[in-house]
Amino acid sequence: MFHLLKLEWLKQKDYILFKILAIAYLVLLPAALFVGKKMDVGNGAPFNPKVDFFQFPTVWAWLGYIGNWMSFFVLGFLAVLMVTNEYSNRTLRQNVITGLQREEFFKSKLVFMVVAASVATFYYGLCAVVIGLLHVDDTLYFSTVFKNVDMVPRFWLMTMGYMSFGLLIGLLIKRTGIALFLYLAYSMVIETILRWVVHLYFFKNISMNFYPLNAMEDLAPLPVADFADSLLKAHGFRLLLTPMEAGITTVIYTSLFLFFSYKRLKNSDL
């Protein structure tokens, strides 16, 4: 297992776009939160960015929401690129010729994804704790610090979901530009149309929230969306999945994406 991880790391570590994506995640995840210090939303707003963004326990949710977008772009793109680059550079064919089995090739990608998701999640947790501790303005209780710590496993699952989707897109398309375009197009356009135009018109119920990318997003949603969701529930409509619903749905989709990725790799031409 460590041999496969090392093999994948050797492929990625000198790739310039990998370095750019990694630096972008490391810098922008905490930096984006500090935009809140410049925001003035007025007294009628349901949140105070100068407080809620930085103090426990709400820092977990707000930083998680920023990490949601960062993971979608950075880790999702990384999953696409680490497959399409293999086809572009013909390294997949070379690996198979030199004795690496397709199962081992898939395992190397999977192990790297698990490690990448774990590192990204650890960094998210570290940033949340450090930022929260730096902005303590009163007595701090242990229970307050870790009140929303369930965001940590949800964050990891979310990153794995995005990466598994990116892996499948990369294996289906093989060409980097088209694969990245389809990754973005499905996430931002196609699924939105399916949910809000097709599904809502024919099946106006909670099932419209169980689409793959929406379920992953609901693991770390915009915190103030809970307020809107509570208002909509009074009219029989739900905007968000519960964490349990989003988690189970993401596990199912992630498993399916990985399964079909493996089948695609097994049956594809090199």
Protein backbone atom coordinates (compact mmCIF):
# COMPACT_ATOMS: atom_id res chain seq x y z
CA MET A 1 0.00 0.00 0.00
CA PHE A 2 2.80 2.41 0.91
CA HIS A 3 4.56 1.45 -2.31
CA LEU A 4 1.50 2.48 -4.33
CA LEU A 5 1.18 5.73 -2.37
CA LYS A 6 4.86 6.50 -2.96
CA LEU A 7 4.47 5.75 -6.67
CA GLU A 8 1.56 8.17 -6.95
CA TRP A 9 3.36 10.83 -4.92
CA LEU A 10 6.38 10.65 -7.21
CA LYS A 11 4.07 11.32 -10.15
CA GLN A 12 2.37 14.30 -8.54
CA LYS A 13 5.02 16.11 -6.51
CA ASP A 14 6.83 17.71 -9.46
CA TYR A 15 3.68 18.52 -11.41
CA ILE A 16 3.35 22.32 -11.45
CA LEU A 17 -0.47 22.36 -11.40
CA PHE A 18 -0.48 20.06 -8.38
CA LYS A 19 1.73 22.55 -6.55
CA ILE A 20 -0.52 25.44 -7.56
CA LEU A 21 -3.65 23.63 -6.36
CA ALA A 22 -2.00 22.63 -3.07
CA ILE A 23 -0.77 26.17 -2.37
CA ALA A 24 -4.16 27.61 -3.31
CA TYR A 25 -5.89 25.33 -0.79
CA LEU A 26 -3.39 26.06 1.98
CA VAL A 27 -3.56 29.82 1.51
CA LEU A 28 -7.15 30.48 0.48
CA LEU A 29 -8.93 28.22 3.01
CA PRO A 30 -8.06 30.39 6.03
CA ALA A 31 -7.58 33.63 4.06
CA ALA A 32 -11.10 33.61 2.60
CA LEU A 33 -12.56 33.55 6.10
CA PHE A 34 -10.86 36.84 6.98
CA VAL A 35 -12.90 38.63 4.33
CA GLY A 36 -15.50 38.67 7.08
CA LYS A 37 -13.53 41.31 8.94
CA LYS A 38 -14.32 43.72 6.09
CA MET A 39 -18.01 42.82 5.81
CA ASP A 40 -20.78 44.98 7.18
CA VAL A 41 -24.12 43.21 6.84
CA GLY A 42 -26.18 45.53 9.02
CA ASN A 43 -28.07 44.98 12.25
CA GLY A 44 -30.91 43.03 10.65
CA ALA A 45 -28.72 40.21 9.31
CA PRO A 46 -29.09 36.71 10.82
CA PHE A 47 -25.36 36.56 11.50
CA ASN A 48 -22.43 38.79 12.43
CA PRO A 49 -19.42 37.94 10.24
CA LYS A 50 -16.97 39.73 12.53
CA VAL A 51 -17.94 37.33 15.31
CA ASP A 52 -19.51 34.21 13.81
CA PHE A 53 -16.77 33.65 11.25
CA PHE A 54 -14.03 33.48 13.87
CA GLN A 55 -15.36 32.31 17.22
CA PHE A 56 -16.37 28.90 18.54
CA PRO A 57 -18.55 27.06 17.78
CA THR A 58 -19.67 28.79 14.55
CA VAL A 59 -16.16 28.97 13.07
CA TRP A 60 -16.45 25.24 12.30
CA ALA A 61 -19.49 25.76 10.07
CA TRP A 62 -18.29 28.89 8.29
CA LEU A 63 -14.81 27.55 7.61
CA GLY A 64 -16.43 24.27 6.54
CA TYR A 65 -18.55 26.11 4.00
CA ILE A 66 -15.45 27.81 2.56
CA GLY A 67 -13.71 24.44 2.56
CA ASN A 68 -16.69 23.04 0.68
CA TRP A 69 -15.94 25.31 -2.27
CA MET A 70 -12.19 24.85 -1.95
CA SER A 71 -12.53 21.07 -1.95
CA PHE A 72 -14.89 21.16 -4.92
CA PHE A 73 -12.43 23.12 -7.03
CA VAL A 74 -9.02 22.07 -5.70
CA LEU A 75 -9.49 18.41 -4.76
CA GLY A 76 -12.07 17.70 -7.45
CA PHE A 77 -9.78 19.18 -10.10
CA LEU A 78 -6.86 17.21 -8.68
CA ALA A 79 -8.79 13.94 -9.03
CA VAL A 80 -9.59 14.73 -12.66
CA LEU A 81 -6.03 15.76 -13.46
CA MET A 82 -4.29 12.82 -11.85
CA VAL A 83 -6.17 10.51 -14.25
CA THR A 84 -6.24 12.56 -17.45
CA ASN A 85 -2.52 13.30 -17.15
CA GLU A 86 -1.87 9.56 -17.15
CA TYR A 87 -3.55 9.27 -20.54
CA SER A 88 -1.99 12.46 -21.92
CA ASN A 89 1.52 11.44 -20.88
CA ARG A 90 0.91 7.75 -21.65
CA THR A 91 2.22 6.84 -18.19
CA LEU A 92 -0.72 4.49 -17.58
CA ARG A 93 0.28 2.38 -20.58
CA GLN A 94 3.93 2.49 -19.49
CA ASN A 95 3.01 1.41 -15.95
CA VAL A 96 1.04 -1.56 -17.25
CA ILE A 97 3.82 -2.52 -19.65
CA THR A 98 6.37 -2.47 -16.81
CA GLY A 99 4.23 -4.79 -14.67
CA LEU A 100 1.77 -2.65 -12.73
CA GLN A 101 -1.66 -4.26 -12.81
CA ARG A 102 -4.73 -2.16 -13.46
CA GLU A 103 -6.04 -3.06 -10.00
CA GLU A 104 -2.84 -1.70 -8.47
CA PHE A 105 -3.08 1.44 -10.58
CA PHE A 106 -6.62 2.03 -9.29
CA LYS A 107 -5.51 1.34 -5.71
CA SER A 108 -2.71 3.90 -6.05
CA LYS A 109 -5.25 6.55 -7.06
CA LEU A 110 -7.64 5.55 -4.28
CA VAL A 111 -4.96 5.56 -1.58
CA PHE A 112 -3.70 8.94 -2.75
CA MET A 113 -7.26 10.31 -2.65
CA VAL A 114 -7.79 9.02 0.90
CA VAL A 115 -4.52 10.60 2.05
CA ALA A 116 -5.25 13.88 0.24
CA ALA A 117 -8.73 14.04 1.78
CA SER A 118 -7.30 13.27 5.23
CA VAL A 119 -4.60 15.95 4.94
CA ALA A 120 -7.14 18.50 3.70
CA THR A 121 -9.49 17.63 6.57
CA PHE A 122 -6.72 17.82 9.17
CA TYR A 123 -5.74 21.25 7.83
CA TYR A 124 -9.36 22.38 7.99
CA GLY A 125 -9.61 21.24 11.61
CA LEU A 126 -6.30 22.85 12.52
CA CYS A 127 -7.32 26.17 10.94
CA ALA A 128 -10.67 26.13 12.74
CA VAL A 129 -9.06 25.50 16.13
CA VAL A 130 -6.28 28.08 15.67
CA ILE A 131 -8.62 30.79 14.34
CA GLY A 132 -11.13 30.12 17.11
CA LEU A 133 -8.47 30.26 19.84
CA LEU A 134 -7.03 33.49 18.45
CA HIS A 135 -10.44 35.17 18.67
CA VAL A 136 -11.50 34.20 22.18
CA ASP A 137 -12.86 37.28 23.93
CA ASP A 138 -14.36 35.66 27.03
CA THR A 139 -14.21 32.48 29.08
CA LEU A 140 -13.77 29.51 26.78
CA TYR A 141 -15.30 26.13 27.60
CA PHE A 142 -14.23 22.79 26.19
CA SER A 143 -17.81 22.01 25.22
CA THR A 144 -18.02 25.22 23.19
CA VAL A 145 -14.82 24.52 21.26
CA PHE A 146 -15.96 21.08 20.14
CA LYS A 147 -19.70 21.71 19.85
CA ASN A 148 -19.65 21.45 16.04
CA VAL A 149 -16.70 19.09 15.74
CA ASP A 150 -18.93 16.66 13.82
CA MET A 151 -18.05 18.89 10.86
CA VAL A 152 -14.67 17.13 10.70
CA PRO A 153 -15.86 13.65 9.54
CA ARG A 154 -18.48 15.34 7.35
CA PHE A 155 -15.73 17.41 5.74
CA TRP A 156 -13.63 14.31 5.02
CA LEU A 157 -16.59 12.49 3.48
CA MET A 158 -17.40 15.54 1.38
CA THR A 159 -13.86 15.75 -0.02
CA MET A 160 -13.88 12.04 -0.85
CA GLY A 161 -17.19 12.51 -2.64
CA TYR A 162 -15.88 15.32 -4.82
CA MET A 163 -12.68 13.43 -5.60
CA SER A 164 -14.47 10.19 -6.49
CA PHE A 165 -16.72 12.12 -8.87
CA GLY A 166 -13.67 13.78 -10.43
CA LEU A 167 -11.93 10.42 -10.76
CA LEU A 168 -14.89 8.96 -12.65
CA ILE A 169 -15.13 11.98 -14.98
CA GLY A 170 -11.41 11.73 -15.71
CA LEU A 171 -11.61 8.04 -16.55
CA LEU A 172 -14.69 8.51 -18.74
CA ILE A 173 -13.39 11.48 -20.74
CA LYS A 174 -9.58 11.06 -20.57
CA ARG A 175 -8.89 14.50 -22.06
CA THR A 176 -8.08 17.12 -19.43
CA GLY A 177 -9.86 20.18 -20.82
CA ILE A 178 -13.08 18.40 -21.69
CA ALA A 179 -13.09 16.45 -18.42
CA LEU A 180 -12.68 19.60 -16.30
CA PHE A 181 -15.38 21.33 -18.33
CA LEU A 182 -17.80 18.42 -17.80
CA TYR A 183 -16.94 18.30 -14.08
CA LEU A 184 -17.89 21.97 -13.75
CA ALA A 185 -20.81 21.80 -16.17
CA TYR A 186 -22.51 18.91 -14.38
CA SER A 187 -21.94 20.38 -10.92
CA MET A 188 -23.02 23.93 -11.67
CA VAL A 189 -25.44 23.62 -14.58
CA ILE A 190 -26.67 20.13 -15.43
CA GLU A 191 -27.53 18.97 -11.91
CA THR A 192 -29.12 22.34 -11.14
CA ILE A 193 -31.36 22.03 -14.20
CA LEU A 194 -32.24 18.43 -13.34
CA ARG A 195 -33.18 19.39 -9.79
CA TRP A 196 -34.92 22.73 -10.20
CA VAL A 197 -36.46 22.38 -13.66
CA VAL A 198 -37.05 18.72 -14.46
CA HIS A 199 -37.34 17.13 -11.03
CA LEU A 200 -39.18 19.98 -9.33
CA TYR A 201 -41.73 20.12 -12.15
CA PHE A 202 -42.53 16.39 -12.18
CA PHE A 203 -41.65 15.26 -8.63
CA LYS A 204 -42.03 18.16 -6.22
CA ASN A 205 -40.76 16.48 -3.06
CA ILE A 206 -37.65 15.96 -0.92
CA SER A 207 -36.18 13.51 -3.44
CA MET A 208 -34.87 16.46 -5.48
CA ASN A 209 -32.26 17.03 -2.76
CA PHE A 210 -30.70 13.58 -3.13
CA TYR A 211 -28.66 14.31 -6.25
CA PRO A 212 -24.95 13.49 -5.76
CA LEU A 213 -23.30 16.92 -5.76
CA ASN A 214 -26.13 18.48 -3.78
CA ALA A 215 -25.83 15.81 -1.09
CA MET A 216 -22.09 16.42 -0.85
CA GLU A 217 -22.62 20.17 -0.61
CA ASP A 218 -25.18 19.69 2.17
CA LEU A 219 -22.48 18.11 4.35
CA ALA A 220 -21.06 21.62 4.81
CA PRO A 221 -23.77 24.04 3.67
CA LEU A 222 -23.96 27.80 4.01
CA PRO A 223 -24.71 28.16 7.75
CA VAL A 224 -27.48 30.76 7.32
CA ALA A 225 -29.26 28.35 4.97
CA ASP A 226 -30.53 26.61 8.12
CA PHE A 227 -32.55 29.73 8.89
CA ALA A 228 -34.12 29.74 5.42
CA ASP A 229 -34.72 25.99 5.63
CA SER A 230 -36.64 26.36 8.89
CA LEU A 231 -38.94 28.91 7.23
CA LEU A 232 -39.54 26.70 4.20
CA LYS A 233 -40.35 23.66 6.35
CA ALA A 234 -43.44 25.49 7.57
CA HIS A 235 -44.68 25.32 3.96
CA GLY A 236 -43.80 21.66 3.49
CA PHE A 237 -40.54 22.25 1.60
CA ARG A 238 -36.98 21.47 2.63
CA LEU A 239 -33.92 23.23 1.29
CA LEU A 240 -31.28 21.03 2.95
CA LEU A 241 -30.71 17.39 3.77
CA THR A 242 -29.98 16.55 7.38
CA PRO A 243 -26.32 15.68 8.09
CA MET A 244 -27.31 12.02 8.42
CA GLU A 245 -29.20 12.03 5.11
CA ALA A 246 -26.38 13.88 3.34
CA GLY A 247 -23.78 11.53 4.84
CA ILE A 248 -25.53 8.30 3.85
CA THR A 249 -26.31 9.63 0.38
CA THR A 250 -22.69 10.72 -0.14
CA VAL A 251 -21.39 7.33 0.98
CA ILE A 252 -23.66 5.61 -1.55
CA TYR A 253 -22.70 7.89 -4.43
CA THR A 254 -18.99 7.79 -3.55
CA SER A 255 -19.08 3.98 -3.53
CA LEU A 256 -20.85 3.96 -6.89
CA PHE A 257 -18.41 6.46 -8.42
CA LEU A 258 -15.45 4.37 -7.25
CA PHE A 259 -17.03 1.13 -8.47
CA PHE A 260 -17.75 2.51 -11.94
CA SER A 261 -14.29 4.10 -12.04
CA TYR A 262 -12.75 0.70 -11.40
CA LYS A 263 -14.94 -0.97 -14.04
CA ARG A 264 -14.10 1.77 -16.54
CA LEU A 265 -10.38 1.36 -15.92
CA LYS A 266 -10.58 -2.41 -16.25
CA ASN A 267 -12.35 -2.20 -19.61
CA SER A 268 -10.75 0.87 -21.16
CA ASP A 269 -8.07 1.03 -23.81
CA LEU A 270 -4.69 2.37 -22.78
